[in-house]
Amino acid sequence: RGFGLDVPTSQANFVWLPLGDGAAAFGQV
């Protein structure tokens, strides 16, 4: 969130980054 991402509150052992069409590029980096 400090990086400016609107990360929803997770109740699991993972977090979700709502990056839309930028998801694949983020994964590649």
mmCIF file of all heavy atoms, coordinates in Angstrom:
data_MODEL
# 
_entry.id   MODEL 
# 
loop_
_atom_site.group_PDB 
_atom_site.id 
_atom_site.type_symbol 
_atom_site.label_atom_id 
_atom_site.label_alt_id 
_atom_site.label_comp_id 
_atom_site.label_asym_id 
_atom_site.label_entity_id 
_atom_site.label_seq_id 
_atom_site.pdbx_PDB_ins_code 
_atom_site.Cartn_x 
_atom_site.Cartn_y 
_atom_site.Cartn_z 
_atom_site.occupancy 
_atom_site.B_iso_or_equiv 
_atom_site.pdbx_formal_charge 
_atom_site.auth_seq_id 
_atom_site.auth_comp_id 
_atom_site.auth_asym_id 
_atom_site.auth_atom_id 
_atom_site.pdbx_PDB_model_num 
ATOM 1   N N   . ARG A 1 1  ? 0.836  -1.211  0.000   1.00 0.00 ? 1  ARG A N   1 
ATOM 2   C CA  . ARG A 1 1  ? 0.000  0.000   0.000   1.00 0.00 ? 1  ARG A CA  1 
ATOM 3   C C   . ARG A 1 1  ? 0.865  1.253   0.000   1.00 0.00 ? 1  ARG A C   1 
ATOM 4   O O   . ARG A 1 1  ? 0.484  2.269   -0.589  1.00 0.00 ? 1  ARG A O   1 
ATOM 5   C CB  . ARG A 1 1  ? -0.935 -0.032  1.205   1.00 0.00 ? 1  ARG A CB  1 
ATOM 6   C CG  . ARG A 1 1  ? -2.065 -1.053  1.072   1.00 0.00 ? 1  ARG A CG  1 
ATOM 7   C CD  . ARG A 1 1  ? -2.886 -1.167  2.349   1.00 0.00 ? 1  ARG A CD  1 
ATOM 8   N NE  . ARG A 1 1  ? -4.005 -2.093  2.171   1.00 0.00 ? 1  ARG A NE  1 
ATOM 9   C CZ  . ARG A 1 1  ? -4.768 -2.542  3.174   1.00 0.00 ? 1  ARG A CZ  1 
ATOM 10  N NH1 . ARG A 1 1  ? -4.528 -2.142  4.420   1.00 0.00 ? 1  ARG A NH1 1 
ATOM 11  N NH2 . ARG A 1 1  ? -5.754 -3.387  2.929   1.00 0.00 ? 1  ARG A NH2 1 
ATOM 12  N N   . GLY A 1 2  ? 2.014  1.142   0.648   1.00 0.00 ? 2  GLY A N   1 
ATOM 13  C CA  . GLY A 1 2  ? 2.948  2.257   0.633   1.00 0.00 ? 2  GLY A CA  1 
ATOM 14  C C   . GLY A 1 2  ? 3.498  2.559   -0.749  1.00 0.00 ? 2  GLY A C   1 
ATOM 15  O O   . GLY A 1 2  ? 3.919  3.688   -1.033  1.00 0.00 ? 2  GLY A O   1 
ATOM 16  N N   . PHE A 1 3  ? 3.477  1.549   -1.623  1.00 0.00 ? 3  PHE A N   1 
ATOM 17  C CA  . PHE A 1 3  ? 3.896  1.744   -3.020  1.00 0.00 ? 3  PHE A CA  1 
ATOM 18  C C   . PHE A 1 3  ? 2.766  2.342   -3.863  1.00 0.00 ? 3  PHE A C   1 
ATOM 19  O O   . PHE A 1 3  ? 2.944  2.572   -5.055  1.00 0.00 ? 3  PHE A O   1 
ATOM 20  C CB  . PHE A 1 3  ? 4.315  0.423   -3.653  1.00 0.00 ? 3  PHE A CB  1 
ATOM 21  C CG  . PHE A 1 3  ? 5.529  -0.217  -3.028  1.00 0.00 ? 3  PHE A CG  1 
ATOM 22  C CD1 . PHE A 1 3  ? 5.730  -1.588  -3.148  1.00 0.00 ? 3  PHE A CD1 1 
ATOM 23  C CD2 . PHE A 1 3  ? 6.464  0.538   -2.336  1.00 0.00 ? 3  PHE A CD2 1 
ATOM 24  C CE1 . PHE A 1 3  ? 6.844  -2.192  -2.584  1.00 0.00 ? 3  PHE A CE1 1 
ATOM 25  C CE2 . PHE A 1 3  ? 7.590  -0.059  -1.762  1.00 0.00 ? 3  PHE A CE2 1 
ATOM 26  C CZ  . PHE A 1 3  ? 7.774  -1.430  -1.886  1.00 0.00 ? 3  PHE A CZ  1 
ATOM 27  N N   . GLY A 1 4  ? 1.611  2.551   -3.247  1.00 0.00 ? 4  GLY A N   1 
ATOM 28  C CA  . GLY A 1 4  ? 0.484  3.140   -3.965  1.00 0.00 ? 4  GLY A CA  1 
ATOM 29  C C   . GLY A 1 4  ? -0.525 2.153   -4.492  1.00 0.00 ? 4  GLY A C   1 
ATOM 30  O O   . GLY A 1 4  ? -1.448 2.545   -5.226  1.00 0.00 ? 4  GLY A O   1 
ATOM 31  N N   . LEU A 1 5  ? -0.391 0.869   -4.133  1.00 0.00 ? 5  LEU A N   1 
ATOM 32  C CA  . LEU A 1 5  ? -1.336 -0.147  -4.603  1.00 0.00 ? 5  LEU A CA  1 
ATOM 33  C C   . LEU A 1 5  ? -2.542 -0.236  -3.677  1.00 0.00 ? 5  LEU A C   1 
ATOM 34  O O   . LEU A 1 5  ? -2.411 -0.175  -2.445  1.00 0.00 ? 5  LEU A O   1 
ATOM 35  C CB  . LEU A 1 5  ? -0.661 -1.514  -4.670  1.00 0.00 ? 5  LEU A CB  1 
ATOM 36  C CG  . LEU A 1 5  ? 0.321  -1.748  -5.818  1.00 0.00 ? 5  LEU A CG  1 
ATOM 37  C CD1 . LEU A 1 5  ? 0.961  -3.123  -5.677  1.00 0.00 ? 5  LEU A CD1 1 
ATOM 38  C CD2 . LEU A 1 5  ? -0.389 -1.643  -7.157  1.00 0.00 ? 5  LEU A CD2 1 
ATOM 39  N N   . ASP A 1 6  ? -3.714 -0.429  -4.266  1.00 0.00 ? 6  ASP A N   1 
ATOM 40  C CA  . ASP A 1 6  ? -4.948 -0.591  -3.495  1.00 0.00 ? 6  ASP A CA  1 
ATOM 41  C C   . ASP A 1 6  ? -5.126 -2.079  -3.173  1.00 0.00 ? 6  ASP A C   1 
ATOM 42  O O   . ASP A 1 6  ? -5.964 -2.766  -3.755  1.00 0.00 ? 6  ASP A O   1 
ATOM 43  C CB  . ASP A 1 6  ? -6.136 -0.061  -4.300  1.00 0.00 ? 6  ASP A CB  1 
ATOM 44  C CG  . ASP A 1 6  ? -7.442 -0.137  -3.510  1.00 0.00 ? 6  ASP A CG  1 
ATOM 45  O OD1 . ASP A 1 6  ? -7.380 -0.213  -2.272  1.00 0.00 ? 6  ASP A OD1 1 
ATOM 46  O OD2 . ASP A 1 6  ? -8.509 -0.131  -4.153  1.00 0.00 ? 6  ASP A OD2 1 
ATOM 47  N N   . VAL A 1 7  ? -4.325 -2.583  -2.236  1.00 0.00 ? 7  VAL A N   1 
ATOM 48  C CA  . VAL A 1 7  ? -4.323 -4.003  -1.900  1.00 0.00 ? 7  VAL A CA  1 
ATOM 49  C C   . VAL A 1 7  ? -5.459 -4.290  -0.921  1.00 0.00 ? 7  VAL A C   1 
ATOM 50  O O   . VAL A 1 7  ? -5.506 -3.691  0.161   1.00 0.00 ? 7  VAL A O   1 
ATOM 51  C CB  . VAL A 1 7  ? -2.974 -4.415  -1.278  1.00 0.00 ? 7  VAL A CB  1 
ATOM 52  C CG1 . VAL A 1 7  ? -2.982 -5.885  -0.883  1.00 0.00 ? 7  VAL A CG1 1 
ATOM 53  C CG2 . VAL A 1 7  ? -1.838 -4.130  -2.255  1.00 0.00 ? 7  VAL A CG2 1 
ATOM 54  N N   . PRO A 1 8  ? -6.395 -5.185  -1.259  1.00 0.00 ? 8  PRO A N   1 
ATOM 55  C CA  . PRO A 1 8  ? -7.474 -5.490  -0.332  1.00 0.00 ? 8  PRO A CA  1 
ATOM 56  C C   . PRO A 1 8  ? -6.953 -6.234  0.889   1.00 0.00 ? 8  PRO A C   1 
ATOM 57  O O   . PRO A 1 8  ? -5.912 -6.897  0.843   1.00 0.00 ? 8  PRO A O   1 
ATOM 58  C CB  . PRO A 1 8  ? -8.416 -6.375  -1.159  1.00 0.00 ? 8  PRO A CB  1 
ATOM 59  C CG  . PRO A 1 8  ? -7.560 -6.968  -2.217  1.00 0.00 ? 8  PRO A CG  1 
ATOM 60  C CD  . PRO A 1 8  ? -6.506 -5.943  -2.527  1.00 0.00 ? 8  PRO A CD  1 
ATOM 61  N N   . THR A 1 9  ? -7.668 -6.127  1.984   1.00 0.00 ? 9  THR A N   1 
ATOM 62  C CA  . THR A 1 9  ? -7.304 -6.830  3.206   1.00 0.00 ? 9  THR A CA  1 
ATOM 63  C C   . THR A 1 9  ? -7.487 -8.324  3.001   1.00 0.00 ? 9  THR A C   1 
ATOM 64  O O   . THR A 1 9  ? -8.560 -8.784  2.612   1.00 0.00 ? 9  THR A O   1 
ATOM 65  C CB  . THR A 1 9  ? -8.170 -6.355  4.387   1.00 0.00 ? 9  THR A CB  1 
ATOM 66  O OG1 . THR A 1 9  ? -7.918 -4.960  4.594   1.00 0.00 ? 9  THR A OG1 1 
ATOM 67  C CG2 . THR A 1 9  ? -7.833 -7.126  5.648   1.00 0.00 ? 9  THR A CG2 1 
ATOM 68  N N   . SER A 1 10 ? -6.432 -9.087  3.242   1.00 0.00 ? 10 SER A N   1 
ATOM 69  C CA  . SER A 1 10 ? -6.466 -10.534 3.036   1.00 0.00 ? 10 SER A CA  1 
ATOM 70  C C   . SER A 1 10 ? -6.664 -11.256 4.351   1.00 0.00 ? 10 SER A C   1 
ATOM 71  O O   . SER A 1 10 ? -6.133 -10.867 5.389   1.00 0.00 ? 10 SER A O   1 
ATOM 72  C CB  . SER A 1 10 ? -5.163 -11.008 2.392   1.00 0.00 ? 10 SER A CB  1 
ATOM 73  O OG  . SER A 1 10 ? -5.113 -12.425 2.324   1.00 0.00 ? 10 SER A OG  1 
ATOM 74  N N   . GLN A 1 11 ? -7.424 -12.348 4.296   1.00 0.00 ? 11 GLN A N   1 
ATOM 75  C CA  . GLN A 1 11 ? -7.595 -13.241 5.434   1.00 0.00 ? 11 GLN A CA  1 
ATOM 76  C C   . GLN A 1 11 ? -6.996 -14.614 5.129   1.00 0.00 ? 11 GLN A C   1 
ATOM 77  O O   . GLN A 1 11 ? -7.293 -15.592 5.815   1.00 0.00 ? 11 GLN A O   1 
ATOM 78  C CB  . GLN A 1 11 ? -9.075 -13.378 5.787   1.00 0.00 ? 11 GLN A CB  1 
ATOM 79  C CG  . GLN A 1 11 ? -9.689 -12.126 6.366   1.00 0.00 ? 11 GLN A CG  1 
ATOM 80  C CD  . GLN A 1 11 ? -9.157 -11.808 7.751   1.00 0.00 ? 11 GLN A CD  1 
ATOM 81  O OE1 . GLN A 1 11 ? -9.239 -12.618 8.659   1.00 0.00 ? 11 GLN A OE1 1 
ATOM 82  N NE2 . GLN A 1 11 ? -8.588 -10.609 7.920   1.00 0.00 ? 11 GLN A NE2 1 
ATOM 83  N N   . ALA A 1 12 ? -6.129 -14.668 4.138   1.00 0.00 ? 12 ALA A N   1 
ATOM 84  C CA  . ALA A 1 12 ? -5.508 -15.927 3.730   1.00 0.00 ? 12 ALA A CA  1 
ATOM 85  C C   . ALA A 1 12 ? -3.993 -15.817 3.864   1.00 0.00 ? 12 ALA A C   1 
ATOM 86  O O   . ALA A 1 12 ? -3.484 -14.922 4.548   1.00 0.00 ? 12 ALA A O   1 
ATOM 87  C CB  . ALA A 1 12 ? -5.915 -16.263 2.299   1.00 0.00 ? 12 ALA A CB  1 
ATOM 88  N N   . ASN A 1 13 ? -3.247 -16.701 3.225   1.00 0.00 ? 13 ASN A N   1 
ATOM 89  C CA  . ASN A 1 13 ? -1.785 -16.622 3.295   1.00 0.00 ? 13 ASN A CA  1 
ATOM 90  C C   . ASN A 1 13 ? -1.200 -16.066 1.999   1.00 0.00 ? 13 ASN A C   1 
ATOM 91  O O   . ASN A 1 13 ? -0.128 -16.454 1.560   1.00 0.00 ? 13 ASN A O   1 
ATOM 92  C CB  . ASN A 1 13 ? -1.170 -17.993 3.618   1.00 0.00 ? 13 ASN A CB  1 
ATOM 93  C CG  . ASN A 1 13 ? -1.305 -18.988 2.479   1.00 0.00 ? 13 ASN A CG  1 
ATOM 94  O OD1 . ASN A 1 13 ? -2.285 -18.956 1.729   1.00 0.00 ? 13 ASN A OD1 1 
ATOM 95  N ND2 . ASN A 1 13 ? -0.345 -19.888 2.341   1.00 0.00 ? 13 ASN A ND2 1 
ATOM 96  N N   . PHE A 1 14 ? -1.923 -15.138 1.416   1.00 0.00 ? 14 PHE A N   1 
ATOM 97  C CA  . PHE A 1 14 ? -1.470 -14.464 0.204   1.00 0.00 ? 14 PHE A CA  1 
ATOM 98  C C   . PHE A 1 14 ? -2.088 -13.080 0.152   1.00 0.00 ? 14 PHE A C   1 
ATOM 99  O O   . PHE A 1 14 ? -3.015 -12.771 0.917   1.00 0.00 ? 14 PHE A O   1 
ATOM 100 C CB  . PHE A 1 14 ? -1.852 -15.264 -1.048  1.00 0.00 ? 14 PHE A CB  1 
ATOM 101 C CG  . PHE A 1 14 ? -3.314 -15.615 -1.119  1.00 0.00 ? 14 PHE A CG  1 
ATOM 102 C CD1 . PHE A 1 14 ? -4.249 -14.720 -1.626  1.00 0.00 ? 14 PHE A CD1 1 
ATOM 103 C CD2 . PHE A 1 14 ? -3.775 -16.835 -0.662  1.00 0.00 ? 14 PHE A CD2 1 
ATOM 104 C CE1 . PHE A 1 14 ? -5.598 -15.026 -1.680  1.00 0.00 ? 14 PHE A CE1 1 
ATOM 105 C CE2 . PHE A 1 14 ? -5.123 -17.166 -0.712  1.00 0.00 ? 14 PHE A CE2 1 
ATOM 106 C CZ  . PHE A 1 14 ? -6.032 -16.260 -1.219  1.00 0.00 ? 14 PHE A CZ  1 
ATOM 107 N N   . VAL A 1 15 ? -1.563 -12.252 -0.731  1.00 0.00 ? 15 VAL A N   1 
ATOM 108 C CA  . VAL A 1 15 ? -2.130 -10.925 -0.957  1.00 0.00 ? 15 VAL A CA  1 
ATOM 109 C C   . VAL A 1 15 ? -2.430 -10.772 -2.443  1.00 0.00 ? 15 VAL A C   1 
ATOM 110 O O   . VAL A 1 15 ? -1.854 -11.469 -3.287  1.00 0.00 ? 15 VAL A O   1 
ATOM 111 C CB  . VAL A 1 15 ? -1.186 -9.805  -0.484  1.00 0.00 ? 15 VAL A CB  1 
ATOM 112 C CG1 . VAL A 1 15 ? -1.049 -9.826  1.028   1.00 0.00 ? 15 VAL A CG1 1 
ATOM 113 C CG2 . VAL A 1 15 ? 0.189  -9.916  -1.151  1.00 0.00 ? 15 VAL A CG2 1 
ATOM 114 N N   . TRP A 1 16 ? -3.333 -9.868  -2.754  1.00 0.00 ? 16 TRP A N   1 
ATOM 115 C CA  . TRP A 1 16 ? -3.803 -9.640  -4.126  1.00 0.00 ? 16 TRP A CA  1 
ATOM 116 C C   . TRP A 1 16 ? -3.421 -8.241  -4.569  1.00 0.00 ? 16 TRP A C   1 
ATOM 117 O O   . TRP A 1 16 ? -3.716 -7.256  -3.886  1.00 0.00 ? 16 TRP A O   1 
ATOM 118 C CB  . TRP A 1 16 ? -5.314 -9.815  -4.186  1.00 0.00 ? 16 TRP A CB  1 
ATOM 119 C CG  . TRP A 1 16 ? -5.966 -9.539  -5.505  1.00 0.00 ? 16 TRP A CG  1 
ATOM 120 C CD1 . TRP A 1 16 ? -6.812 -8.518  -5.797  1.00 0.00 ? 16 TRP A CD1 1 
ATOM 121 C CD2 . TRP A 1 16 ? -5.859 -10.322 -6.704  1.00 0.00 ? 16 TRP A CD2 1 
ATOM 122 N NE1 . TRP A 1 16 ? -7.252 -8.607  -7.105  1.00 0.00 ? 16 TRP A NE1 1 
ATOM 123 C CE2 . TRP A 1 16 ? -6.677 -9.699  -7.682  1.00 0.00 ? 16 TRP A CE2 1 
ATOM 124 C CE3 . TRP A 1 16 ? -5.158 -11.478 -7.047  1.00 0.00 ? 16 TRP A CE3 1 
ATOM 125 C CZ2 . TRP A 1 16 ? -6.800 -10.204 -8.969  1.00 0.00 ? 16 TRP A CZ2 1 
ATOM 126 C CZ3 . TRP A 1 16 ? -5.280 -11.976 -8.330  1.00 0.00 ? 16 TRP A CZ3 1 
ATOM 127 C CH2 . TRP A 1 16 ? -6.100 -11.356 -9.276  1.00 0.00 ? 16 TRP A CH2 1 
ATOM 128 N N   . LEU A 1 17 ? -2.766 -8.184  -5.716  1.00 0.00 ? 17 LEU A N   1 
ATOM 129 C CA  . LEU A 1 17 ? -2.379 -6.910  -6.313  1.00 0.00 ? 17 LEU A CA  1 
ATOM 130 C C   . LEU A 1 17 ? -3.262 -6.680  -7.539  1.00 0.00 ? 17 LEU A C   1 
ATOM 131 O O   . LEU A 1 17 ? -3.093 -7.353  -8.567  1.00 0.00 ? 17 LEU A O   1 
ATOM 132 C CB  . LEU A 1 17 ? -0.904 -6.928  -6.741  1.00 0.00 ? 17 LEU A CB  1 
ATOM 133 C CG  . LEU A 1 17 ? 0.179  -6.845  -5.657  1.00 0.00 ? 17 LEU A CG  1 
ATOM 134 C CD1 . LEU A 1 17 ? 0.095  -8.006  -4.679  1.00 0.00 ? 17 LEU A CD1 1 
ATOM 135 C CD2 . LEU A 1 17 ? 1.555  -6.792  -6.287  1.00 0.00 ? 17 LEU A CD2 1 
ATOM 136 N N   . PRO A 1 18 ? -4.232 -5.766  -7.468  1.00 0.00 ? 18 PRO A N   1 
ATOM 137 C CA  . PRO A 1 18 ? -5.170 -5.562  -8.583  1.00 0.00 ? 18 PRO A CA  1 
ATOM 138 C C   . PRO A 1 18 ? -4.546 -4.737  -9.700  1.00 0.00 ? 18 PRO A C   1 
ATOM 139 O O   . PRO A 1 18 ? -4.875 -3.566  -9.898  1.00 0.00 ? 18 PRO A O   1 
ATOM 140 C CB  . PRO A 1 18 ? -6.338 -4.834  -7.911  1.00 0.00 ? 18 PRO A CB  1 
ATOM 141 C CG  . PRO A 1 18 ? -5.711 -4.089  -6.772  1.00 0.00 ? 18 PRO A CG  1 
ATOM 142 C CD  . PRO A 1 18 ? -4.570 -4.936  -6.290  1.00 0.00 ? 18 PRO A CD  1 
ATOM 143 N N   . LEU A 1 19 ? -3.698 -5.389  -10.480 1.00 0.00 ? 19 LEU A N   1 
ATOM 144 C CA  . LEU A 1 19 ? -2.920 -4.693  -11.503 1.00 0.00 ? 19 LEU A CA  1 
ATOM 145 C C   . LEU A 1 19 ? -3.542 -4.741  -12.884 1.00 0.00 ? 19 LEU A C   1 
ATOM 146 O O   . LEU A 1 19 ? -2.994 -4.161  -13.822 1.00 0.00 ? 19 LEU A O   1 
ATOM 147 C CB  . LEU A 1 19 ? -1.499 -5.275  -11.546 1.00 0.00 ? 19 LEU A CB  1 
ATOM 148 C CG  . LEU A 1 19 ? -0.666 -5.029  -10.288 1.00 0.00 ? 19 LEU A CG  1 
ATOM 149 C CD1 . LEU A 1 19 ? 0.637  -5.806  -10.343 1.00 0.00 ? 19 LEU A CD1 1 
ATOM 150 C CD2 . LEU A 1 19 ? -0.401 -3.541  -10.107 1.00 0.00 ? 19 LEU A CD2 1 
ATOM 151 N N   . GLY A 1 20 ? -4.640 -5.463  -13.061 1.00 0.00 ? 20 GLY A N   1 
ATOM 152 C CA  . GLY A 1 20 ? -5.325 -5.496  -14.346 1.00 0.00 ? 20 GLY A CA  1 
ATOM 153 C C   . GLY A 1 20 ? -4.435 -5.971  -15.476 1.00 0.00 ? 20 GLY A C   1 
ATOM 154 O O   . GLY A 1 20 ? -3.784 -7.019  -15.382 1.00 0.00 ? 20 GLY A O   1 
ATOM 155 N N   . ASP A 1 21 ? -4.364 -5.191  -16.527 1.00 0.00 ? 21 ASP A N   1 
ATOM 156 C CA  . ASP A 1 21 ? -3.580 -5.574  -17.703 1.00 0.00 ? 21 ASP A CA  1 
ATOM 157 C C   . ASP A 1 21 ? -2.070 -5.543  -17.450 1.00 0.00 ? 21 ASP A C   1 
ATOM 158 O O   . ASP A 1 21 ? -1.291 -5.989  -18.292 1.00 0.00 ? 21 ASP A O   1 
ATOM 159 C CB  . ASP A 1 21 ? -3.921 -4.669  -18.883 1.00 0.00 ? 21 ASP A CB  1 
ATOM 160 C CG  . ASP A 1 21 ? -5.338 -4.901  -19.399 1.00 0.00 ? 21 ASP A CG  1 
ATOM 161 O OD1 . ASP A 1 21 ? -5.867 -6.003  -19.165 1.00 0.00 ? 21 ASP A OD1 1 
ATOM 162 O OD2 . ASP A 1 21 ? -5.904 -3.983  -20.017 1.00 0.00 ? 21 ASP A OD2 1 
ATOM 163 N N   . GLY A 1 22 ? -1.672 -5.012  -16.311 1.00 0.00 ? 22 GLY A N   1 
ATOM 164 C CA  . GLY A 1 22 ? -0.248 -4.984  -15.996 1.00 0.00 ? 22 GLY A CA  1 
ATOM 165 C C   . GLY A 1 22 ? 0.228  -6.193  -15.224 1.00 0.00 ? 22 GLY A C   1 
ATOM 166 O O   . GLY A 1 22 ? 1.403  -6.261  -14.824 1.00 0.00 ? 22 GLY A O   1 
ATOM 167 N N   . ALA A 1 23 ? -0.655 -7.186  -15.015 1.00 0.00 ? 23 ALA A N   1 
ATOM 168 C CA  . ALA A 1 23 ? -0.315 -8.332  -14.171 1.00 0.00 ? 23 ALA A CA  1 
ATOM 169 C C   . ALA A 1 23 ? 0.847  -9.139  -14.738 1.00 0.00 ? 23 ALA A C   1 
ATOM 170 O O   . ALA A 1 23 ? 1.792  -9.492  -14.022 1.00 0.00 ? 23 ALA A O   1 
ATOM 171 C CB  . ALA A 1 23 ? -1.544 -9.219  -13.978 1.00 0.00 ? 23 ALA A CB  1 
ATOM 172 N N   . ALA A 1 24 ? 0.779  -9.468  -16.025 1.00 0.00 ? 24 ALA A N   1 
ATOM 173 C CA  . ALA A 1 24 ? 1.820  -10.310 -16.622 1.00 0.00 ? 24 ALA A CA  1 
ATOM 174 C C   . ALA A 1 24 ? 3.183  -9.619  -16.592 1.00 0.00 ? 24 ALA A C   1 
ATOM 175 O O   . ALA A 1 24 ? 4.206  -10.251 -16.283 1.00 0.00 ? 24 ALA A O   1 
ATOM 176 C CB  . ALA A 1 24 ? 1.441  -10.688 -18.049 1.00 0.00 ? 24 ALA A CB  1 
ATOM 177 N N   . ALA A 1 25 ? 3.206  -8.340  -16.916 1.00 0.00 ? 25 ALA A N   1 
ATOM 178 C CA  . ALA A 1 25 ? 4.471  -7.602  -16.917 1.00 0.00 ? 25 ALA A CA  1 
ATOM 179 C C   . ALA A 1 25 ? 5.060  -7.555  -15.512 1.00 0.00 ? 25 ALA A C   1 
ATOM 180 O O   . ALA A 1 25 ? 6.286  -7.699  -15.334 1.00 0.00 ? 25 ALA A O   1 
ATOM 181 C CB  . ALA A 1 25 ? 4.254  -6.193  -17.456 1.00 0.00 ? 25 ALA A CB  1 
ATOM 182 N N   . PHE A 1 26 ? 4.232  -7.353  -14.515 1.00 0.00 ? 26 PHE A N   1 
ATOM 183 C CA  . PHE A 1 26 ? 4.700  -7.351  -13.124 1.00 0.00 ? 26 PHE A CA  1 
ATOM 184 C C   . PHE A 1 26 ? 5.321  -8.705  -12.781 1.00 0.00 ? 26 PHE A C   1 
ATOM 185 O O   . PHE A 1 26 ? 6.402  -8.772  -12.189 1.00 0.00 ? 26 PHE A O   1 
ATOM 186 C CB  . PHE A 1 26 ? 3.531  -7.048  -12.186 1.00 0.00 ? 26 PHE A CB  1 
ATOM 187 C CG  . PHE A 1 26 ? 3.899  -7.018  -10.726 1.00 0.00 ? 26 PHE A CG  1 
ATOM 188 C CD1 . PHE A 1 26 ? 4.254  -5.825  -10.110 1.00 0.00 ? 26 PHE A CD1 1 
ATOM 189 C CD2 . PHE A 1 26 ? 3.884  -8.176  -9.956  1.00 0.00 ? 26 PHE A CD2 1 
ATOM 190 C CE1 . PHE A 1 26 ? 4.595  -5.786  -8.757  1.00 0.00 ? 26 PHE A CE1 1 
ATOM 191 C CE2 . PHE A 1 26 ? 4.227  -8.154  -8.614  1.00 0.00 ? 26 PHE A CE2 1 
ATOM 192 C CZ  . PHE A 1 26 ? 4.574  -6.959  -8.010  1.00 0.00 ? 26 PHE A CZ  1 
ATOM 193 N N   . GLY A 1 27 ? 4.641  -9.774  -13.175 1.00 0.00 ? 27 GLY A N   1 
ATOM 194 C CA  . GLY A 1 27 ? 5.155  -11.110 -12.907 1.00 0.00 ? 27 GLY A CA  1 
ATOM 195 C C   . GLY A 1 27 ? 6.494  -11.355 -13.576 1.00 0.00 ? 27 GLY A C   1 
ATOM 196 O O   . GLY A 1 27 ? 7.387  -11.994 -12.999 1.00 0.00 ? 27 GLY A O   1 
ATOM 197 N N   . GLN A 1 28 ? 6.653  -10.840 -14.779 1.00 0.00 ? 28 GLN A N   1 
ATOM 198 C CA  . GLN A 1 28 ? 7.922  -11.032 -15.501 1.00 0.00 ? 28 GLN A CA  1 
ATOM 199 C C   . GLN A 1 28 ? 9.069  -10.309 -14.820 1.00 0.00 ? 28 GLN A C   1 
ATOM 200 O O   . GLN A 1 28 ? 10.178 -10.841 -14.724 1.00 0.00 ? 28 GLN A O   1 
ATOM 201 C CB  . GLN A 1 28 ? 7.755  -10.557 -16.945 1.00 0.00 ? 28 GLN A CB  1 
ATOM 202 C CG  . GLN A 1 28 ? 6.867  -11.465 -17.789 1.00 0.00 ? 28 GLN A CG  1 
ATOM 203 C CD  . GLN A 1 28 ? 6.499  -10.855 -19.130 1.00 0.00 ? 28 GLN A CD  1 
ATOM 204 O OE1 . GLN A 1 28 ? 6.885  -9.720  -19.431 1.00 0.00 ? 28 GLN A OE1 1 
ATOM 205 N NE2 . GLN A 1 28 ? 5.756  -11.591 -19.930 1.00 0.00 ? 28 GLN A NE2 1 
ATOM 206 N N   . VAL A 1 29 ? 8.819  -9.100  -14.329 1.00 0.00 ? 29 VAL A N   1 
ATOM 207 C CA  . VAL A 1 29 ? 9.874  -8.377  -13.622 1.00 0.00 ? 29 VAL A CA  1 
ATOM 208 C C   . VAL A 1 29 ? 10.259 -9.111  -12.348 1.00 0.00 ? 29 VAL A C   1 
ATOM 209 O O   . VAL A 1 29 ? 11.446 -9.253  -12.020 1.00 0.00 ? 29 VAL A O   1 
ATOM 210 C CB  . VAL A 1 29 ? 9.440  -6.937  -13.314 1.00 0.00 ? 29 VAL A CB  1 
ATOM 211 C CG1 . VAL A 1 29 ? 10.469 -6.244  -12.418 1.00 0.00 ? 29 VAL A CG1 1 
ATOM 212 C CG2 . VAL A 1 29 ? 9.238  -6.144  -14.592 1.00 0.00 ? 29 VAL A CG2 1 
# 
